[in-house]
Amino acid sequence: MTLSERIKAVRKRSGRSQRDVARMMGVSQQSYQEFEVNAGNSKISTISRFCNEMKIDVAFLLSDIPISNMAIFDCLLKTLKD
């Protein structure tokens, strides 16, 4: 799964539209759509902002862990931080 596919999957799993996430990130829907399609060419600051708004860890987004295991990853990360 590409970074763009993972970003789209995270957004869809959250039940948010591109417009919703664009508003959360403070960008236009067109800018967000471009980010979602071409995430591999994005600045790390944009990827980080997306992760912050979606309340996920950048490491998870960049990993090969299936999106369906997002809750498990969050639990493991919390355990490691404690």
N, C-alpha and C. Protein backbone atom coordinates (compact mmCIF):
# COMPACT_ATOMS: atom_id res chain seq x y z
N MET A 1 0.85 -1.18 0.00
CA MET A 1 0.00 0.00 0.00
C MET A 1 0.89 1.24 0.00
N THR A 2 0.63 2.16 -0.91
CA THR A 2 1.43 3.39 -0.98
C THR A 2 1.03 4.35 0.15
N LEU A 3 1.85 5.35 0.35
CA LEU A 3 1.56 6.37 1.36
C LEU A 3 0.22 7.04 1.04
N SER A 4 -0.01 7.36 -0.21
CA SER A 4 -1.27 7.98 -0.61
C SER A 4 -2.46 7.08 -0.28
N GLU A 5 -2.31 5.80 -0.55
CA GLU A 5 -3.38 4.85 -0.26
C GLU A 5 -3.62 4.75 1.25
N ARG A 6 -2.55 4.78 2.02
CA ARG A 6 -2.68 4.71 3.48
C ARG A 6 -3.37 5.96 4.02
N ILE A 7 -3.02 7.12 3.50
CA ILE A 7 -3.65 8.37 3.94
C ILE A 7 -5.15 8.33 3.63
N LYS A 8 -5.48 7.90 2.44
CA LYS A 8 -6.89 7.80 2.06
C LYS A 8 -7.61 6.80 2.95
N ALA A 9 -6.99 5.66 3.23
CA ALA A 9 -7.60 4.63 4.06
C ALA A 9 -7.84 5.14 5.49
N VAL A 10 -6.87 5.87 6.04
CA VAL A 10 -7.02 6.43 7.39
C VAL A 10 -8.19 7.42 7.40
N ARG A 11 -8.25 8.28 6.39
CA ARG A 11 -9.34 9.26 6.31
C ARG A 11 -10.68 8.55 6.24
N LYS A 12 -10.79 7.57 5.34
CA LYS A 12 -12.06 6.86 5.18
C LYS A 12 -12.43 6.10 6.45
N ARG A 13 -11.45 5.49 7.09
CA ARG A 13 -11.73 4.75 8.33
C ARG A 13 -12.25 5.68 9.41
N SER A 14 -11.82 6.94 9.37
CA SER A 14 -12.28 7.91 10.37
C SER A 14 -13.69 8.42 10.05
N GLY A 15 -14.18 8.12 8.84
CA GLY A 15 -15.51 8.57 8.45
C GLY A 15 -15.56 10.02 8.00
N ARG A 16 -14.40 10.58 7.71
CA ARG A 16 -14.34 11.99 7.30
C ARG A 16 -14.22 12.12 5.79
N SER A 17 -14.75 13.20 5.27
CA SER A 17 -14.61 13.51 3.85
C SER A 17 -13.31 14.27 3.63
N GLN A 18 -12.92 14.40 2.36
CA GLN A 18 -11.74 15.21 2.05
C GLN A 18 -11.96 16.64 2.54
N ARG A 19 -13.17 17.14 2.39
CA ARG A 19 -13.48 18.51 2.82
C ARG A 19 -13.28 18.64 4.33
N ASP A 20 -13.75 17.64 5.09
CA ASP A 20 -13.59 17.67 6.55
C ASP A 20 -12.12 17.75 6.95
N VAL A 21 -11.31 16.88 6.36
CA VAL A 21 -9.89 16.84 6.72
C VAL A 21 -9.18 18.11 6.25
N ALA A 22 -9.56 18.61 5.10
CA ALA A 22 -8.98 19.86 4.60
C ALA A 22 -9.23 20.99 5.59
N ARG A 23 -10.45 21.08 6.09
CA ARG A 23 -10.78 22.11 7.09
C ARG A 23 -9.96 21.92 8.36
N MET A 24 -9.83 20.67 8.80
CA MET A 24 -9.04 20.39 10.00
C MET A 24 -7.59 20.83 9.83
N MET A 25 -7.06 20.64 8.62
CA MET A 25 -5.67 20.97 8.35
C MET A 25 -5.47 22.44 7.97
N GLY A 26 -6.58 23.14 7.73
CA GLY A 26 -6.50 24.55 7.38
C GLY A 26 -6.07 24.79 5.94
N VAL A 27 -6.46 23.87 5.05
CA VAL A 27 -6.13 24.01 3.62
C VAL A 27 -7.40 23.87 2.79
N SER A 28 -7.31 24.20 1.53
CA SER A 28 -8.47 24.04 0.65
C SER A 28 -8.68 22.55 0.36
N GLN A 29 -9.91 22.22 -0.05
CA GLN A 29 -10.18 20.83 -0.40
C GLN A 29 -9.31 20.40 -1.57
N GLN A 30 -9.07 21.30 -2.51
CA GLN A 30 -8.22 20.99 -3.66
C GLN A 30 -6.79 20.68 -3.21
N SER A 31 -6.28 21.46 -2.28
CA SER A 31 -4.92 21.21 -1.77
C SER A 31 -4.86 19.87 -1.05
N TYR A 32 -5.88 19.58 -0.26
CA TYR A 32 -5.90 18.29 0.43
C TYR A 32 -5.99 17.14 -0.56
N GLN A 33 -6.82 17.29 -1.57
CA GLN A 33 -6.97 16.24 -2.58
C GLN A 33 -5.64 15.96 -3.25
N GLU A 34 -4.90 17.02 -3.57
CA GLU A 34 -3.57 16.87 -4.18
C GLU A 34 -2.63 16.13 -3.22
N PHE A 35 -2.70 16.49 -1.94
CA PHE A 35 -1.88 15.82 -0.92
C PHE A 35 -2.21 14.33 -0.87
N GLU A 36 -3.50 14.01 -0.87
CA GLU A 36 -3.91 12.61 -0.76
C GLU A 36 -3.48 11.81 -1.98
N VAL A 37 -3.46 12.42 -3.14
CA VAL A 37 -3.08 11.73 -4.38
C VAL A 37 -1.56 11.62 -4.52
N ASN A 38 -0.84 12.65 -4.11
CA ASN A 38 0.61 12.70 -4.30
C ASN A 38 1.36 12.82 -2.98
N ALA A 39 0.95 12.07 -1.98
CA ALA A 39 1.57 12.19 -0.66
C ALA A 39 3.06 11.90 -0.66
N GLY A 40 3.49 11.05 -1.56
CA GLY A 40 4.92 10.72 -1.63
C GLY A 40 5.79 11.91 -1.95
N ASN A 41 5.21 12.96 -2.51
CA ASN A 41 5.95 14.17 -2.84
C ASN A 41 5.72 15.29 -1.82
N SER A 42 5.05 14.97 -0.73
CA SER A 42 4.69 15.98 0.27
C SER A 42 5.82 16.25 1.25
N LYS A 43 5.78 17.43 1.85
CA LYS A 43 6.72 17.78 2.90
C LYS A 43 6.37 16.98 4.14
N ILE A 44 7.37 16.64 4.93
CA ILE A 44 7.13 15.90 6.16
C ILE A 44 6.24 16.71 7.09
N SER A 45 6.31 18.02 7.04
CA SER A 45 5.46 18.85 7.90
C SER A 45 3.99 18.67 7.55
N THR A 46 3.67 18.48 6.28
CA THR A 46 2.29 18.25 5.86
C THR A 46 1.82 16.88 6.33
N ILE A 47 2.68 15.89 6.19
CA ILE A 47 2.34 14.54 6.65
C ILE A 47 2.15 14.55 8.16
N SER A 48 3.01 15.24 8.86
CA SER A 48 2.92 15.34 10.31
C SER A 48 1.62 16.05 10.73
N ARG A 49 1.26 17.10 10.04
CA ARG A 49 0.02 17.82 10.35
C ARG A 49 -1.19 16.91 10.15
N PHE A 50 -1.18 16.12 9.06
CA PHE A 50 -2.25 15.16 8.82
C PHE A 50 -2.34 14.19 9.99
N CYS A 51 -1.21 13.64 10.39
CA CYS A 51 -1.20 12.68 11.49
C CYS A 51 -1.69 13.31 12.79
N ASN A 52 -1.28 14.52 13.06
CA ASN A 52 -1.75 15.21 14.27
C ASN A 52 -3.25 15.38 14.25
N GLU A 53 -3.79 15.82 13.13
CA GLU A 53 -5.23 16.04 13.03
C GLU A 53 -6.01 14.73 13.10
N MET A 54 -5.44 13.65 12.58
CA MET A 54 -6.12 12.36 12.58
C MET A 54 -5.81 11.55 13.84
N LYS A 55 -4.96 12.12 14.71
CA LYS A 55 -4.59 11.49 15.98
C LYS A 55 -3.96 10.11 15.77
N ILE A 56 -3.03 10.06 14.82
CA ILE A 56 -2.26 8.84 14.60
C ILE A 56 -0.78 9.17 14.62
N ASP A 57 0.03 8.17 14.83
CA ASP A 57 1.48 8.36 14.88
C ASP A 57 2.05 8.32 13.47
N VAL A 58 3.00 9.19 13.18
CA VAL A 58 3.64 9.21 11.87
C VAL A 58 4.27 7.85 11.56
N ALA A 59 4.86 7.22 12.58
CA ALA A 59 5.48 5.91 12.38
C ALA A 59 4.48 4.89 11.87
N PHE A 60 3.25 4.96 12.38
CA PHE A 60 2.22 4.04 11.91
C PHE A 60 1.89 4.31 10.45
N LEU A 61 1.73 5.57 10.11
CA LEU A 61 1.38 5.92 8.73
C LEU A 61 2.46 5.46 7.76
N LEU A 62 3.70 5.56 8.15
CA LEU A 62 4.81 5.20 7.27
C LEU A 62 5.18 3.72 7.33
N SER A 63 4.52 2.97 8.20
CA SER A 63 4.84 1.56 8.35
C SER A 63 4.07 0.69 7.36
N ASP A 64 4.33 -0.59 7.44
CA ASP A 64 3.60 -1.57 6.62
C ASP A 64 2.48 -2.24 7.42
N ILE A 65 2.21 -1.73 8.61
CA ILE A 65 1.16 -2.31 9.45
C ILE A 65 -0.19 -2.03 8.78
N PRO A 66 -1.02 -3.06 8.62
CA PRO A 66 -2.33 -2.84 7.99
C PRO A 66 -3.17 -1.80 8.74
N ILE A 67 -3.86 -0.98 8.00
CA ILE A 67 -4.71 0.06 8.59
C ILE A 67 -5.71 -0.57 9.56
N SER A 68 -6.16 -1.77 9.26
CA SER A 68 -7.13 -2.44 10.13
C SER A 68 -6.55 -2.71 11.52
N ASN A 69 -5.22 -2.66 11.67
CA ASN A 69 -4.56 -2.89 12.96
C ASN A 69 -4.20 -1.57 13.65
N MET A 70 -4.79 -0.46 13.24
CA MET A 70 -4.45 0.85 13.78
C MET A 70 -4.66 0.88 15.30
N ALA A 71 -5.74 0.32 15.81
CA ALA A 71 -6.01 0.34 17.25
C ALA A 71 -4.95 -0.47 18.00
N ILE A 72 -4.53 -1.59 17.45
CA ILE A 72 -3.49 -2.41 18.08
C ILE A 72 -2.19 -1.63 18.15
N PHE A 73 -1.84 -0.95 17.07
CA PHE A 73 -0.61 -0.15 17.05
C PHE A 73 -0.66 0.94 18.11
N ASP A 74 -1.81 1.62 18.23
CA ASP A 74 -1.96 2.67 19.23
C ASP A 74 -1.75 2.12 20.64
N CYS A 75 -2.30 0.94 20.92
CA CYS A 75 -2.13 0.32 22.24
C CYS A 75 -0.66 -0.01 22.50
N LEU A 76 0.01 -0.58 21.51
CA LEU A 76 1.43 -0.90 21.66
C LEU A 76 2.26 0.35 21.90
N LEU A 77 1.97 1.40 21.15
CA LEU A 77 2.71 2.65 21.29
C LEU A 77 2.49 3.24 22.68
N LYS A 78 1.27 3.22 23.16
CA LYS A 78 0.96 3.73 24.49
C LYS A 78 1.73 2.93 25.55
N THR A 79 1.77 1.62 25.38
CA THR A 79 2.48 0.76 26.33
C THR A 79 3.97 1.09 26.33
N LEU A 80 4.54 1.32 25.15
CA LEU A 80 5.97 1.66 25.07
C LEU A 80 6.26 3.01 25.70
N LYS A 81 5.34 3.95 25.59
CA LYS A 81 5.54 5.29 26.16
C LYS A 81 5.42 5.27 27.68
N ASP A 82 4.61 4.35 28.20
CA ASP A 82 4.41 4.27 29.67
C ASP A 82 5.58 3.60 30.28
